[in-house]
Amino acid sequence: MSRAKAVVKARRIESADLLRAHGLRATPAALAVLATLDASSAPLTHEAIAARLPQTTPVARIDRVTLYRVLERMTRCGLLHRFQGQDRIWRFALGAEGGLAGMFECTRCHSVAPLPGDPALPGLLAQVQRKLRDQGLEGVAAELTVHGLCKGCRT
């Protein structure tokens, strides 16, 4: 087996273990969605994921309903983060388990990018949660979205 094939096989095993650890079955569709999102540097829409699936995996074409169901299951168990932009379109990204899901969205072209990590952000969100509790409110989730212009739209 070539080195490249060995790496792909190892990643498939890691992905299958990750799915199982979240209580999901390691189906070809779920593995393909994980591979697609893992290969992306930014959150993807359902359409973008569907368009990239044949390029990332040799499985047969996954229909739209199956893709929606896989994305919903992965989001519900915390494996994916679902983000709705100002354009009202859902985008999906891996790794939302850490709590903070920070995104930047361009107000002109609606491109979305994850915010760079900052160790101070969880503390700031905890402070917001404390302020809410002081008012008798209980927050269960917090997201940070920054709206502005991307490099391409600024010029």
Protein backbone atom coordinates (compact mmCIF):
# COMPACT_ATOMS: atom_id res chain seq x y z
CA MET A 1 0.00 0.00 0.00
CA SER A 2 1.35 3.43 -0.92
CA ARG A 3 1.97 6.05 1.75
CA ALA A 4 -0.86 8.23 0.43
CA LYS A 5 -3.35 5.35 0.62
CA ALA A 6 -2.18 4.52 4.15
CA VAL A 7 -2.75 8.12 5.25
CA VAL A 8 -6.25 8.16 3.73
CA LYS A 9 -7.09 4.86 5.43
CA ALA A 10 -5.81 6.15 8.80
CA ARG A 11 -7.90 9.33 8.49
CA ARG A 12 -10.97 7.24 7.64
CA ILE A 13 -10.43 5.17 10.80
CA GLU A 14 -10.00 8.33 12.91
CA SER A 15 -13.19 9.79 11.40
CA ALA A 16 -15.11 6.58 12.08
CA ASP A 17 -13.92 6.62 15.70
CA LEU A 18 -14.92 10.27 16.04
CA LEU A 19 -18.43 9.57 14.73
CA ARG A 20 -18.85 6.59 17.05
CA ALA A 21 -17.61 8.62 20.02
CA HIS A 22 -20.49 11.02 19.34
CA GLY A 23 -23.03 8.20 19.15
CA LEU A 24 -23.27 8.21 15.36
CA ARG A 25 -22.81 5.42 12.84
CA ALA A 26 -19.79 5.65 10.55
CA THR A 27 -21.75 5.48 7.30
CA PRO A 28 -20.14 6.32 3.96
CA ALA A 29 -22.25 9.51 3.83
CA ALA A 30 -21.16 10.63 7.31
CA LEU A 31 -17.51 9.87 6.55
CA ALA A 32 -17.77 11.80 3.29
CA VAL A 33 -19.29 14.84 5.02
CA LEU A 34 -16.55 14.79 7.66
CA ALA A 35 -13.85 14.57 4.99
CA THR A 36 -15.41 17.44 3.03
CA LEU A 37 -15.68 19.74 6.04
CA ASP A 38 -12.21 18.75 7.25
CA ALA A 39 -10.76 19.77 3.88
CA SER A 40 -12.43 23.19 4.01
CA SER A 41 -10.90 26.25 5.67
CA ALA A 42 -14.30 27.95 6.07
CA PRO A 43 -17.85 26.89 6.93
CA LEU A 44 -19.76 25.46 3.97
CA THR A 45 -23.40 25.62 2.89
CA HIS A 46 -25.40 22.49 2.18
CA GLU A 47 -25.00 23.24 -1.54
CA ALA A 48 -21.24 23.65 -1.27
CA ILE A 49 -20.91 20.41 0.67
CA ALA A 50 -23.04 18.58 -1.91
CA ALA A 51 -20.91 19.98 -4.74
CA ARG A 52 -17.64 18.90 -3.09
CA LEU A 53 -18.67 15.41 -1.96
CA PRO A 54 -17.78 13.60 -5.20
CA GLN A 55 -14.32 15.18 -5.11
CA THR A 56 -13.51 14.06 -1.57
CA THR A 57 -14.80 10.51 -1.55
CA PRO A 58 -15.36 7.62 -3.93
CA VAL A 59 -18.84 6.87 -2.53
CA ALA A 60 -21.87 7.08 -4.74
CA ARG A 61 -23.64 10.42 -5.02
CA ILE A 62 -25.37 11.33 -1.75
CA ASP A 63 -28.89 12.71 -2.22
CA ARG A 64 -29.96 16.02 -0.69
CA VAL A 65 -32.22 14.49 1.97
CA THR A 66 -29.50 12.14 3.22
CA LEU A 67 -27.07 15.05 3.36
CA TYR A 68 -29.56 17.16 5.36
CA ARG A 69 -30.09 14.29 7.79
CA VAL A 70 -26.36 13.68 8.25
CA LEU A 71 -25.73 17.39 8.86
CA GLU A 72 -28.62 17.57 11.34
CA ARG A 73 -27.40 14.53 13.31
CA MET A 74 -23.84 15.81 13.43
CA THR A 75 -25.02 19.24 14.57
CA ARG A 76 -27.35 17.82 17.23
CA CYS A 77 -24.56 15.75 18.82
CA GLY A 78 -22.13 18.70 18.84
CA LEU A 79 -19.75 17.49 16.16
CA LEU A 80 -20.65 20.36 13.81
CA HIS A 81 -21.47 24.00 14.34
CA ARG A 82 -24.36 25.40 12.31
CA PHE A 83 -24.19 29.10 11.56
CA GLN A 84 -26.88 31.17 9.84
CA GLY A 85 -25.59 34.23 8.05
CA GLN A 86 -27.37 37.46 7.23
CA ASP A 87 -28.30 35.89 3.90
CA ARG A 88 -30.37 33.35 5.95
CA ILE A 89 -28.34 30.42 4.61
CA TRP A 90 -27.02 27.79 7.04
CA ARG A 91 -23.30 27.01 6.97
CA PHE A 92 -21.59 24.11 8.71
CA ALA A 93 -18.14 23.74 10.23
CA LEU A 94 -16.33 21.11 12.27
CA GLY A 95 -15.26 21.44 15.87
CA ALA A 96 -17.93 23.36 17.72
CA GLU A 97 -17.51 21.29 20.87
CA GLY A 98 -15.26 23.84 22.53
CA GLY A 99 -18.26 26.08 23.18
CA LEU A 100 -17.33 29.29 21.40
CA ALA A 101 -18.22 29.38 17.75
CA GLY A 102 -16.79 32.62 16.49
CA MET A 103 -17.40 33.69 12.89
CA PHE A 104 -16.71 36.65 10.65
CA GLU A 105 -19.27 37.38 7.94
CA CYS A 106 -18.80 39.86 5.11
CA THR A 107 -21.89 42.04 4.87
CA ARG A 108 -21.46 42.48 1.13
CA CYS A 109 -20.56 39.05 -0.32
CA HIS A 110 -21.64 36.95 2.72
CA SER A 111 -18.38 35.01 2.81
CA VAL A 112 -17.82 33.46 6.22
CA ALA A 113 -14.58 32.66 8.04
CA PRO A 114 -13.86 31.38 11.54
CA LEU A 115 -12.48 33.96 13.94
CA PRO A 116 -8.91 33.41 15.07
CA GLY A 117 -8.74 31.74 18.46
CA ASP A 118 -8.12 33.93 21.46
CA PRO A 119 -7.78 32.58 25.02
CA ALA A 120 -9.59 35.65 26.40
CA LEU A 121 -12.86 35.00 24.52
CA PRO A 122 -14.19 32.15 26.72
CA GLY A 123 -13.66 34.35 29.79
CA LEU A 124 -15.58 37.20 28.18
CA LEU A 125 -18.45 34.89 27.32
CA ALA A 126 -18.47 33.55 30.88
CA GLN A 127 -18.73 37.14 32.08
CA VAL A 128 -21.76 37.68 29.82
CA GLN A 129 -23.32 34.47 31.20
CA ARG A 130 -22.81 35.78 34.78
CA LYS A 131 -24.47 39.09 33.89
CA LEU A 132 -27.42 37.19 32.43
CA ARG A 133 -27.74 35.07 35.61
CA ASP A 134 -27.71 38.29 37.68
CA GLN A 135 -30.81 39.32 35.70
CA GLY A 136 -32.51 35.96 36.29
CA LEU A 137 -31.72 34.63 32.81
CA GLU A 138 -29.92 31.42 31.97
CA GLY A 139 -27.92 31.28 28.77
CA VAL A 140 -27.26 27.83 27.35
CA ALA A 141 -25.14 28.76 24.35
CA ALA A 142 -23.25 31.78 23.11
CA GLU A 143 -21.93 32.63 19.68
CA LEU A 144 -19.80 35.49 18.52
CA THR A 145 -20.34 36.89 15.03
CA VAL A 146 -18.43 39.85 13.67
CA HIS A 147 -19.92 41.57 10.63
CA GLY A 148 -17.80 43.68 8.31
CA LEU A 149 -16.10 43.69 4.93
CA CYS A 150 -13.69 40.99 3.75
CA LYS A 151 -10.43 41.84 1.95
CA GLY A 152 -12.02 41.38 -1.46
CA CYS A 153 -14.97 43.68 -0.74
CA ARG A 154 -12.89 46.41 0.94
CA THR A 155 -11.00 47.19 -2.24
